[in-house]
Protein backbone atom coordinates (compact mmCIF):
# COMPACT_ATOMS: atom_id res chain seq x y z
CA UNK A 1 0.00 0.00 0.00
CA UNK A 2 1.48 3.32 -1.10
CA UNK A 3 1.31 6.35 1.16
CA UNK A 4 -0.16 9.49 -0.39
CA UNK A 5 1.50 12.88 -0.28
CA UNK A 6 -1.33 14.07 1.95
CA UNK A 7 -0.75 11.23 4.42
CA UNK A 8 2.98 11.84 4.40
CA UNK A 9 2.43 15.57 4.95
CA UNK A 10 0.10 14.91 7.86
CA UNK A 11 2.62 12.54 9.45
CA UNK A 12 5.49 14.99 8.92
CA UNK A 13 3.53 17.89 10.42
CA UNK A 14 2.86 15.84 13.54
CA UNK A 15 6.61 15.57 14.23
CA UNK A 16 8.33 17.84 16.77
CA UNK A 17 9.73 21.03 15.22
CA UNK A 18 13.37 19.89 15.34
CA UNK A 19 12.48 16.68 13.49
CA UNK A 20 10.49 18.67 10.89
CA UNK A 21 13.47 20.97 10.37
CA UNK A 22 15.78 18.00 9.85
CA UNK A 23 13.32 16.41 7.43
CA UNK A 24 12.95 19.66 5.49
CA UNK A 25 16.71 20.02 5.27
CA UNK A 26 17.12 16.48 3.96
CA UNK A 27 14.36 16.95 1.40
CA UNK A 28 15.89 20.17 0.10
CA UNK A 29 19.31 18.55 -0.13
CA UNK A 30 17.83 15.72 -2.18
CA UNK A 31 16.41 17.99 -4.88
CA UNK A 32 19.42 18.75 -7.07
CA UNK A 33 22.98 18.21 -5.85
CA UNK A 34 24.44 20.07 -8.87
CA UNK A 35 22.32 23.11 -8.09
CA UNK A 36 23.37 22.91 -4.44
CA UNK A 37 27.05 23.05 -5.44
CA UNK A 38 26.31 26.07 -7.62
CA UNK A 39 24.53 27.83 -4.75
CA UNK A 40 27.41 27.05 -2.37
CA UNK A 41 29.87 28.47 -4.90
CA UNK A 42 27.80 31.65 -5.22
CA UNK A 43 27.68 32.04 -1.42
CA UNK A 44 31.46 31.57 -1.24
CA UNK A 45 31.90 34.41 -3.76
CA UNK A 46 29.49 36.60 -1.77
CA UNK A 47 31.28 35.82 1.51
CA UNK A 48 34.64 36.74 -0.04
CA UNK A 49 33.17 39.99 -1.40
CA UNK A 50 31.80 40.94 2.02
CA UNK A 51 35.09 40.02 3.70
CA UNK A 52 36.98 42.20 1.24
CA UNK A 53 34.60 45.13 1.85
CA UNK A 54 35.28 44.92 5.58
CA UNK A 55 39.04 44.56 5.13
CA UNK A 56 39.18 47.56 2.78
CA UNK A 57 37.14 49.71 5.17
CA UNK A 58 34.33 50.19 2.64
CA UNK A 59 31.94 48.62 5.15
CA UNK A 60 32.11 48.80 8.93
CA UNK A 61 30.89 45.67 10.67
CA UNK A 62 28.42 45.82 13.53
CA UNK A 63 27.69 43.32 16.28
CA UNK A 64 25.09 40.67 15.54
CA UNK A 65 22.93 41.88 18.42
CA UNK A 66 22.90 45.40 16.95
CA UNK A 67 21.99 44.05 13.51
CA UNK A 68 19.08 42.09 14.99
CA UNK A 69 17.88 45.14 16.91
CA UNK A 70 17.90 47.19 13.70
CA UNK A 71 15.90 44.53 11.90
CA UNK A 72 13.39 44.35 14.76
CA UNK A 73 12.89 48.12 14.63
CA UNK A 74 12.27 48.00 10.89
CA UNK A 75 9.90 45.03 11.07
CA UNK A 76 7.82 46.39 13.96
CA UNK A 77 7.16 49.77 12.41
PDB file of N, CA and C in Angstrom:
ATOM      1  N   UNK A   1       0.854  -1.179   0.000  1.00  0.00           N
ATOM      2  CA  UNK A   1       0.000   0.000   0.000  1.00  0.00           C
ATOM      3  C   UNK A   1       0.893   1.234   0.000  1.00  0.00           C
ATOM      4  N   UNK A   2       0.694   2.099  -0.974  1.00  0.00           N
ATOM      5  CA  UNK A   2       1.485   3.321  -1.095  1.00  0.00           C
ATOM      6  C   UNK A   2       0.882   4.422  -0.222  1.00  0.00           C
ATOM      7  N   UNK A   3       1.755   5.216   0.349  1.00  0.00           N
ATOM      8  CA  UNK A   3       1.308   6.346   1.157  1.00  0.00           C
ATOM      9  C   UNK A   3       1.136   7.561   0.234  1.00  0.00           C
ATOM     10  N   UNK A   4       0.084   8.317   0.446  1.00  0.00           N
ATOM     11  CA  UNK A   4      -0.161   9.492  -0.387  1.00  0.00           C
ATOM     12  C   UNK A   4       0.646  10.668   0.140  1.00  0.00           C
ATOM     13  N   UNK A   5       0.806  11.666  -0.692  1.00  0.00           N
ATOM     14  CA  UNK A   5       1.504  12.884  -0.278  1.00  0.00           C
ATOM     15  C   UNK A   5       0.768  13.526   0.893  1.00  0.00           C
ATOM     16  N   UNK A   6      -0.547  13.486   0.858  1.00  0.00           N
ATOM     17  CA  UNK A   6      -1.330  14.070   1.947  1.00  0.00           C
ATOM     18  C   UNK A   6      -1.078  13.345   3.265  1.00  0.00           C
ATOM     19  N   UNK A   7      -1.012  12.013   3.217  1.00  0.00           N
ATOM     20  CA  UNK A   7      -0.747  11.227   4.422  1.00  0.00           C
ATOM     21  C   UNK A   7       0.663  11.492   4.937  1.00  0.00           C
ATOM     22  N   UNK A   8       1.603  11.567   4.019  1.00  0.00           N
ATOM     23  CA  UNK A   8       2.978  11.843   4.399  1.00  0.00           C
ATOM     24  C   UNK A   8       3.101  13.235   5.016  1.00  0.00           C
ATOM     25  N   UNK A   9       2.416  14.204   4.423  1.00  0.00           N
ATOM     26  CA  UNK A   9       2.434  15.570   4.950  1.00  0.00           C
ATOM     27  C   UNK A   9       1.847  15.612   6.356  1.00  0.00           C
ATOM     28  N   UNK A  10       0.736  14.945   6.546  1.00  0.00           N
ATOM     29  CA  UNK A  10       0.101  14.912   7.863  1.00  0.00           C
ATOM     30  C   UNK A  10       1.037  14.290   8.898  1.00  0.00           C
ATOM     31  N   UNK A  11       1.689  13.199   8.527  1.00  0.00           N
ATOM     32  CA  UNK A  11       2.623  12.542   9.447  1.00  0.00           C
ATOM     33  C   UNK A  11       3.813  13.449   9.749  1.00  0.00           C
ATOM     34  N   UNK A  12       4.338  14.107   8.716  1.00  0.00           N
ATOM     35  CA  UNK A  12       5.490  14.995   8.917  1.00  0.00           C
ATOM     36  C   UNK A  12       5.128  16.170   9.805  1.00  0.00           C
ATOM     37  N   UNK A  13       3.945  16.729   9.616  1.00  0.00           N
ATOM     38  CA  UNK A  13       3.532  17.885  10.418  1.00  0.00           C
ATOM     39  C   UNK A  13       3.259  17.523  11.871  1.00  0.00           C
ATOM     40  N   UNK A  14       3.087  16.248  12.152  1.00  0.00           N
ATOM     41  CA  UNK A  14       2.860  15.837  13.543  1.00  0.00           C
ATOM     42  C   UNK A  14       4.180  15.633  14.299  1.00  0.00           C
ATOM     43  N   UNK A  15       5.304  15.708  13.587  1.00  0.00           N
ATOM     44  CA  UNK A  15       6.613  15.565  14.231  1.00  0.00           C
ATOM     45  C   UNK A  15       6.955  16.805  15.049  1.00  0.00           C
ATOM     46  N   UNK A  16       7.833  16.671  16.036  1.00  0.00           N
ATOM     47  CA  UNK A  16       8.332  17.845  16.770  1.00  0.00           C
ATOM     48  C   UNK A  16       9.069  18.777  15.801  1.00  0.00           C
ATOM     49  N   UNK A  17       9.164  20.040  16.138  1.00  0.00           N
ATOM     50  CA  UNK A  17       9.730  21.032  15.223  1.00  0.00           C
ATOM     51  C   UNK A  17      11.165  20.714  14.812  1.00  0.00           C
ATOM     52  N   UNK A  18      11.988  20.198  15.720  1.00  0.00           N
ATOM     53  CA  UNK A  18      13.369  19.888  15.340  1.00  0.00           C
ATOM     54  C   UNK A  18      13.423  18.755  14.326  1.00  0.00           C
ATOM     55  N   UNK A  19      12.539  17.781  14.450  1.00  0.00           N
ATOM     56  CA  UNK A  19      12.484  16.681  13.488  1.00  0.00           C
ATOM     57  C   UNK A  19      11.975  17.172  12.136  1.00  0.00           C
ATOM     58  N   UNK A  20      10.992  18.089  12.155  1.00  0.00           N
ATOM     59  CA  UNK A  20      10.486  18.671  10.892  1.00  0.00           C
ATOM     60  C   UNK A  20      11.584  19.458  10.192  1.00  0.00           C
ATOM     61  N   UNK A  21      12.375  20.196  10.965  1.00  0.00           N
ATOM     62  CA  UNK A  21      13.467  20.973  10.368  1.00  0.00           C
ATOM     63  C   UNK A  21      14.496  20.046   9.730  1.00  0.00           C
ATOM     64  N   UNK A  22      14.832  18.970  10.398  1.00  0.00           N
ATOM     65  CA  UNK A  22      15.780  18.000   9.847  1.00  0.00           C
ATOM     66  C   UNK A  22      15.223  17.369   8.580  1.00  0.00           C
ATOM     67  N   UNK A  23      13.962  16.997   8.605  1.00  0.00           N
ATOM     68  CA  UNK A  23      13.317  16.414   7.434  1.00  0.00           C
ATOM     69  C   UNK A  23      13.315  17.400   6.272  1.00  0.00           C
ATOM     70  N   UNK A  24      12.971  18.638   6.543  1.00  0.00           N
ATOM     71  CA  UNK A  24      12.950  19.656   5.495  1.00  0.00           C
ATOM     72  C   UNK A  24      14.338  19.835   4.897  1.00  0.00           C
ATOM     73  N   UNK A  25      15.348  19.868   5.741  1.00  0.00           N
ATOM     74  CA  UNK A  25      16.715  20.018   5.267  1.00  0.00           C
ATOM     75  C   UNK A  25      17.105  18.853   4.365  1.00  0.00           C
ATOM     76  N   UNK A  26      16.780  17.661   4.765  1.00  0.00           N
ATOM     77  CA  UNK A  26      17.118  16.477   3.956  1.00  0.00           C
ATOM     78  C   UNK A  26      16.364  16.475   2.631  1.00  0.00           C
ATOM     79  N   UNK A  27      15.122  16.903   2.650  1.00  0.00           N
ATOM     80  CA  UNK A  27      14.357  16.953   1.402  1.00  0.00           C
ATOM     81  C   UNK A  27      14.939  17.980   0.434  1.00  0.00           C
ATOM     82  N   UNK A  28      15.298  19.137   0.947  1.00  0.00           N
ATOM     83  CA  UNK A  28      15.887  20.171   0.096  1.00  0.00           C
ATOM     84  C   UNK A  28      17.210  19.688  -0.479  1.00  0.00           C
ATOM     85  N   UNK A  29      18.025  19.071   0.347  1.00  0.00           N
ATOM     86  CA  UNK A  29      19.311  18.554  -0.125  1.00  0.00           C
ATOM     87  C   UNK A  29      19.140  17.511  -1.216  1.00  0.00           C
ATOM     88  N   UNK A  30      18.033  16.790  -1.208  1.00  0.00           N
ATOM     89  CA  UNK A  30      17.829  15.718  -2.183  1.00  0.00           C
ATOM     90  C   UNK A  30      17.371  16.229  -3.543  1.00  0.00           C
ATOM     91  N   UNK A  31      17.014  17.495  -3.647  1.00  0.00           N
ATOM     92  CA  UNK A  31      16.413  17.994  -4.882  1.00  0.00           C
ATOM     93  C   UNK A  31      17.368  17.992  -6.062  1.00  0.00           C
ATOM     94  N   UNK A  32      18.498  18.659  -5.939  1.00  0.00           N
ATOM     95  CA  UNK A  32      19.421  18.746  -7.071  1.00  0.00           C
ATOM     96  C   UNK A  32      20.823  19.042  -6.553  1.00  0.00           C
ATOM     97  N   UNK A  33      21.627  18.001  -6.383  1.00  0.00           N
ATOM     98  CA  UNK A  33      22.975  18.214  -5.849  1.00  0.00           C
ATOM     99  C   UNK A  33      23.814  19.175  -6.695  1.00  0.00           C
ATOM    100  N   UNK A  34      23.664  19.153  -8.013  1.00  0.00           N
ATOM    101  CA  UNK A  34      24.437  20.068  -8.871  1.00  0.00           C
ATOM    102  C   UNK A  34      24.053  21.509  -8.582  1.00  0.00           C
ATOM    103  N   UNK A  35      22.773  21.759  -8.405  1.00  0.00           N
ATOM    104  CA  UNK A  35      22.320  23.112  -8.095  1.00  0.00           C
ATOM    105  C   UNK A  35      22.823  23.533  -6.724  1.00  0.00           C
ATOM    106  N   UNK A  36      22.872  22.608  -5.768  1.00  0.00           N
ATOM    107  CA  UNK A  36      23.369  22.909  -4.441  1.00  0.00           C
ATOM    108  C   UNK A  36      24.832  23.350  -4.493  1.00  0.00           C
ATOM    109  N   UNK A  37      25.641  22.658  -5.295  1.00  0.00           N
ATOM    110  CA  UNK A  37      27.046  23.051  -5.435  1.00  0.00           C
ATOM    111  C   UNK A  37      27.157  24.452  -6.042  1.00  0.00           C
ATOM    112  N   UNK A  38      26.293  24.747  -6.996  1.00  0.00           N
ATOM    113  CA  UNK A  38      26.306  26.074  -7.618  1.00  0.00           C
ATOM    114  C   UNK A  38      25.948  27.147  -6.591  1.00  0.00           C
ATOM    115  N   UNK A  39      24.948  26.870  -5.779  1.00  0.00           N
ATOM    116  CA  UNK A  39      24.530  27.826  -4.749  1.00  0.00           C
ATOM    117  C   UNK A  39      25.645  28.016  -3.731  1.00  0.00           C
ATOM    118  N   UNK A  40      26.291  26.940  -3.318  1.00  0.00           N
ATOM    119  CA  UNK A  40      27.405  27.046  -2.371  1.00  0.00           C
ATOM    120  C   UNK A  40      28.543  27.876  -2.958  1.00  0.00           C
ATOM    121  N   UNK A  41      28.817  27.688  -4.244  1.00  0.00           N
ATOM    122  CA  UNK A  41      29.874  28.468  -4.896  1.00  0.00           C
ATOM    123  C   UNK A  41      29.501  29.947  -4.925  1.00  0.00           C
ATOM    124  N   UNK A  42      28.250  30.250  -5.208  1.00  0.00           N
ATOM    125  CA  UNK A  42      27.802  31.649  -5.217  1.00  0.00           C
ATOM    126  C   UNK A  42      27.916  32.277  -3.829  1.00  0.00           C
ATOM    127  N   UNK A  43      27.562  31.513  -2.782  1.00  0.00           N
ATOM    128  CA  UNK A  43      27.681  32.035  -1.421  1.00  0.00           C
ATOM    129  C   UNK A  43      29.141  32.258  -1.045  1.00  0.00           C
ATOM    130  N   UNK A  44      30.033  31.383  -1.527  1.00  0.00           N
ATOM    131  CA  UNK A  44      31.461  31.570  -1.245  1.00  0.00           C
ATOM    132  C   UNK A  44      31.962  32.859  -1.879  1.00  0.00           C
ATOM    133  N   UNK A  45      31.526  33.155  -3.093  1.00  0.00           N
ATOM    134  CA  UNK A  45      31.897  34.406  -3.760  1.00  0.00           C
ATOM    135  C   UNK A  45      31.355  35.598  -2.977  1.00  0.00           C
ATOM    136  N   UNK A  46      30.103  35.511  -2.534  1.00  0.00           N
ATOM    137  CA  UNK A  46      29.489  36.599  -1.769  1.00  0.00           C
ATOM    138  C   UNK A  46      30.216  36.805  -0.447  1.00  0.00           C
ATOM    139  N   UNK A  47      30.559  35.707   0.232  1.00  0.00           N
ATOM    140  CA  UNK A  47      31.280  35.822   1.505  1.00  0.00           C
ATOM    141  C   UNK A  47      32.636  36.487   1.306  1.00  0.00           C
ATOM    142  N   UNK A  48      33.335  36.122   0.242  1.00  0.00           N
ATOM    143  CA  UNK A  48      34.639  36.738  -0.040  1.00  0.00           C
ATOM    144  C   UNK A  48      34.477  38.227  -0.347  1.00  0.00           C
ATOM    145  N   UNK A  49      33.424  38.580  -1.082  1.00  0.00           N
ATOM    146  CA  UNK A  49      33.166  39.986  -1.398  1.00  0.00           C
ATOM    147  C   UNK A  49      32.920  40.788  -0.125  1.00  0.00           C
ATOM    148  N   UNK A  50      32.096  40.247   0.763  1.00  0.00           N
ATOM    149  CA  UNK A  50      31.799  40.940   2.019  1.00  0.00           C
ATOM    150  C   UNK A  50      33.048  41.052   2.896  1.00  0.00           C
ATOM    151  N   UNK A  51      33.834  39.974   2.954  1.00  0.00           N
ATOM    152  CA  UNK A  51      35.094  40.015   3.701  1.00  0.00           C
ATOM    153  C   UNK A  51      36.002  41.122   3.174  1.00  0.00           C
ATOM    154  N   UNK A  52      36.114  41.199   1.853  1.00  0.00           N
ATOM    155  CA  UNK A  52      36.981  42.196   1.241  1.00  0.00           C
ATOM    156  C   UNK A  52      36.480  43.618   1.517  1.00  0.00           C
ATOM    157  N   UNK A  53      35.156  43.812   1.528  1.00  0.00           N
ATOM    158  CA  UNK A  53      34.605  45.134   1.847  1.00  0.00           C
ATOM    159  C   UNK A  53      34.967  45.549   3.271  1.00  0.00           C
ATOM    160  N   UNK A  54      34.930  44.610   4.193  1.00  0.00           N
ATOM    161  CA  UNK A  54      35.281  44.917   5.579  1.00  0.00           C
ATOM    162  C   UNK A  54      36.772  45.203   5.686  1.00  0.00           C
ATOM    163  N   UNK A  55      37.588  44.372   5.065  1.00  0.00           N
ATOM    164  CA  UNK A  55      39.039  44.561   5.132  1.00  0.00           C
ATOM    165  C   UNK A  55      39.475  45.883   4.515  1.00  0.00           C
ATOM    166  N   UNK A  56      38.794  46.314   3.452  1.00  0.00           N
ATOM    167  CA  UNK A  56      39.178  47.558   2.778  1.00  0.00           C
ATOM    168  C   UNK A  56      38.651  48.791   3.511  1.00  0.00           C
ATOM    169  N   UNK A  57      37.728  48.592   4.452  1.00  0.00           N
ATOM    170  CA  UNK A  57      37.138  49.713   5.166  1.00  0.00           C
ATOM    171  C   UNK A  57      35.916  50.292   4.477  1.00  0.00           C
ATOM    172  N   UNK A  58      35.516  49.707   3.356  1.00  0.00           N
ATOM    173  CA  UNK A  58      34.328  50.188   2.636  1.00  0.00           C
ATOM    174  C   UNK A  58      33.065  49.971   3.458  1.00  0.00           C
ATOM    175  N   UNK A  59      33.090  48.948   4.304  1.00  0.00           N
ATOM    176  CA  UNK A  59      31.943  48.617   5.154  1.00  0.00           C
ATOM    177  C   UNK A  59      32.461  48.426   6.571  1.00  0.00           C
ATOM    178  N   UNK A  60      31.734  48.990   7.525  1.00  0.00           N
ATOM    179  CA  UNK A  60      32.107  48.804   8.925  1.00  0.00           C
ATOM    180  C   UNK A  60      31.182  47.774   9.556  1.00  0.00           C
ATOM    181  N   UNK A  61      31.745  46.702  10.084  1.00  0.00           N
ATOM    182  CA  UNK A  61      30.886  45.666  10.671  1.00  0.00           C
ATOM    183  C   UNK A  61      30.237  46.146  11.960  1.00  0.00           C
ATOM    184  N   UNK A  62      29.098  45.548  12.261  1.00  0.00           N
ATOM    185  CA  UNK A  62      28.416  45.820  13.533  1.00  0.00           C
ATOM    186  C   UNK A  62      28.177  44.484  14.219  1.00  0.00           C
ATOM    187  N   UNK A  63      27.953  44.531  15.507  1.00  0.00           N
ATOM    188  CA  UNK A  63      27.688  43.318  16.282  1.00  0.00           C
ATOM    189  C   UNK A  63      26.372  42.693  15.834  1.00  0.00           C
ATOM    190  N   UNK A  64      26.309  41.373  15.918  1.00  0.00           N
ATOM    191  CA  UNK A  64      25.092  40.673  15.538  1.00  0.00           C
ATOM    192  C   UNK A  64      23.880  41.143  16.317  1.00  0.00           C
ATOM    193  N   UNK A  65      24.060  41.421  17.607  1.00  0.00           N
ATOM    194  CA  UNK A  65      22.933  41.879  18.423  1.00  0.00           C
ATOM    195  C   UNK A  65      22.410  43.228  17.926  1.00  0.00           C
ATOM    196  N   UNK A  66      23.317  44.104  17.496  1.00  0.00           N
ATOM    197  CA  UNK A  66      22.899  45.398  16.954  1.00  0.00           C
ATOM    198  C   UNK A  66      22.163  45.216  15.627  1.00  0.00           C
ATOM    199  N   UNK A  67      22.653  44.314  14.792  1.00  0.00           N
ATOM    200  CA  UNK A  67      21.990  44.049  13.510  1.00  0.00           C
ATOM    201  C   UNK A  67      20.572  43.540  13.742  1.00  0.00           C
ATOM    202  N   UNK A  68      20.416  42.607  14.691  1.00  0.00           N
ATOM    203  CA  UNK A  68      19.080  42.087  14.994  1.00  0.00           C
ATOM    204  C   UNK A  68      18.165  43.173  15.540  1.00  0.00           C
ATOM    205  N   UNK A  69      18.689  44.039  16.362  1.00  0.00           N
ATOM    206  CA  UNK A  69      17.884  45.139  16.905  1.00  0.00           C
ATOM    207  C   UNK A  69      17.414  46.058  15.788  1.00  0.00           C
ATOM    208  N   UNK A  70      18.291  46.350  14.838  1.00  0.00           N
ATOM    209  CA  UNK A  70      17.903  47.194  13.698  1.00  0.00           C
ATOM    210  C   UNK A  70      16.795  46.540  12.880  1.00  0.00           C
ATOM    211  N   UNK A  71      16.921  45.248  12.656  1.00  0.00           N
ATOM    212  CA  UNK A  71      15.896  44.526  11.899  1.00  0.00           C
ATOM    213  C   UNK A  71      14.578  44.546  12.653  1.00  0.00           C
ATOM    214  N   UNK A  72      14.619  44.325  13.962  1.00  0.00           N
ATOM    215  CA  UNK A  72      13.385  44.350  14.763  1.00  0.00           C
ATOM    216  C   UNK A  72      12.692  45.707  14.673  1.00  0.00           C
ATOM    217  N   UNK A  73      13.480  46.782  14.727  1.00  0.00           N
ATOM    218  CA  UNK A  73      12.885  48.119  14.628  1.00  0.00           C
ATOM    219  C   UNK A  73      12.213  48.318  13.279  1.00  0.00           C
ATOM    220  N   UNK A  74      12.848  47.854  12.228  1.00  0.00           N
ATOM    221  CA  UNK A  74      12.275  47.998  10.885  1.00  0.00           C
ATOM    222  C   UNK A  74      10.992  47.176  10.737  1.00  0.00           C
ATOM    223  N   UNK A  75      11.029  45.942  11.237  1.00  0.00           N
ATOM    224  CA  UNK A  75       9.900  45.031  11.072  1.00  0.00           C
ATOM    225  C   UNK A  75       8.703  45.451  11.911  1.00  0.00           C
ATOM    226  N   UNK A  76       8.930  46.042  13.069  1.00  0.00           N
ATOM    227  CA  UNK A  76       7.821  46.389  13.959  1.00  0.00           C
ATOM    228  C   UNK A  76       7.273  47.779  13.732  1.00  0.00           C
ATOM    229  N   UNK A  77       7.698  48.431  12.689  1.00  0.00           N
ATOM    230  CA  UNK A  77       7.163  49.771  12.410  1.00  0.00           C
ATOM    231  C   UNK A  77       5.744  49.724  11.976  1.00  0.00           C
TER     232      UNK A  77
END
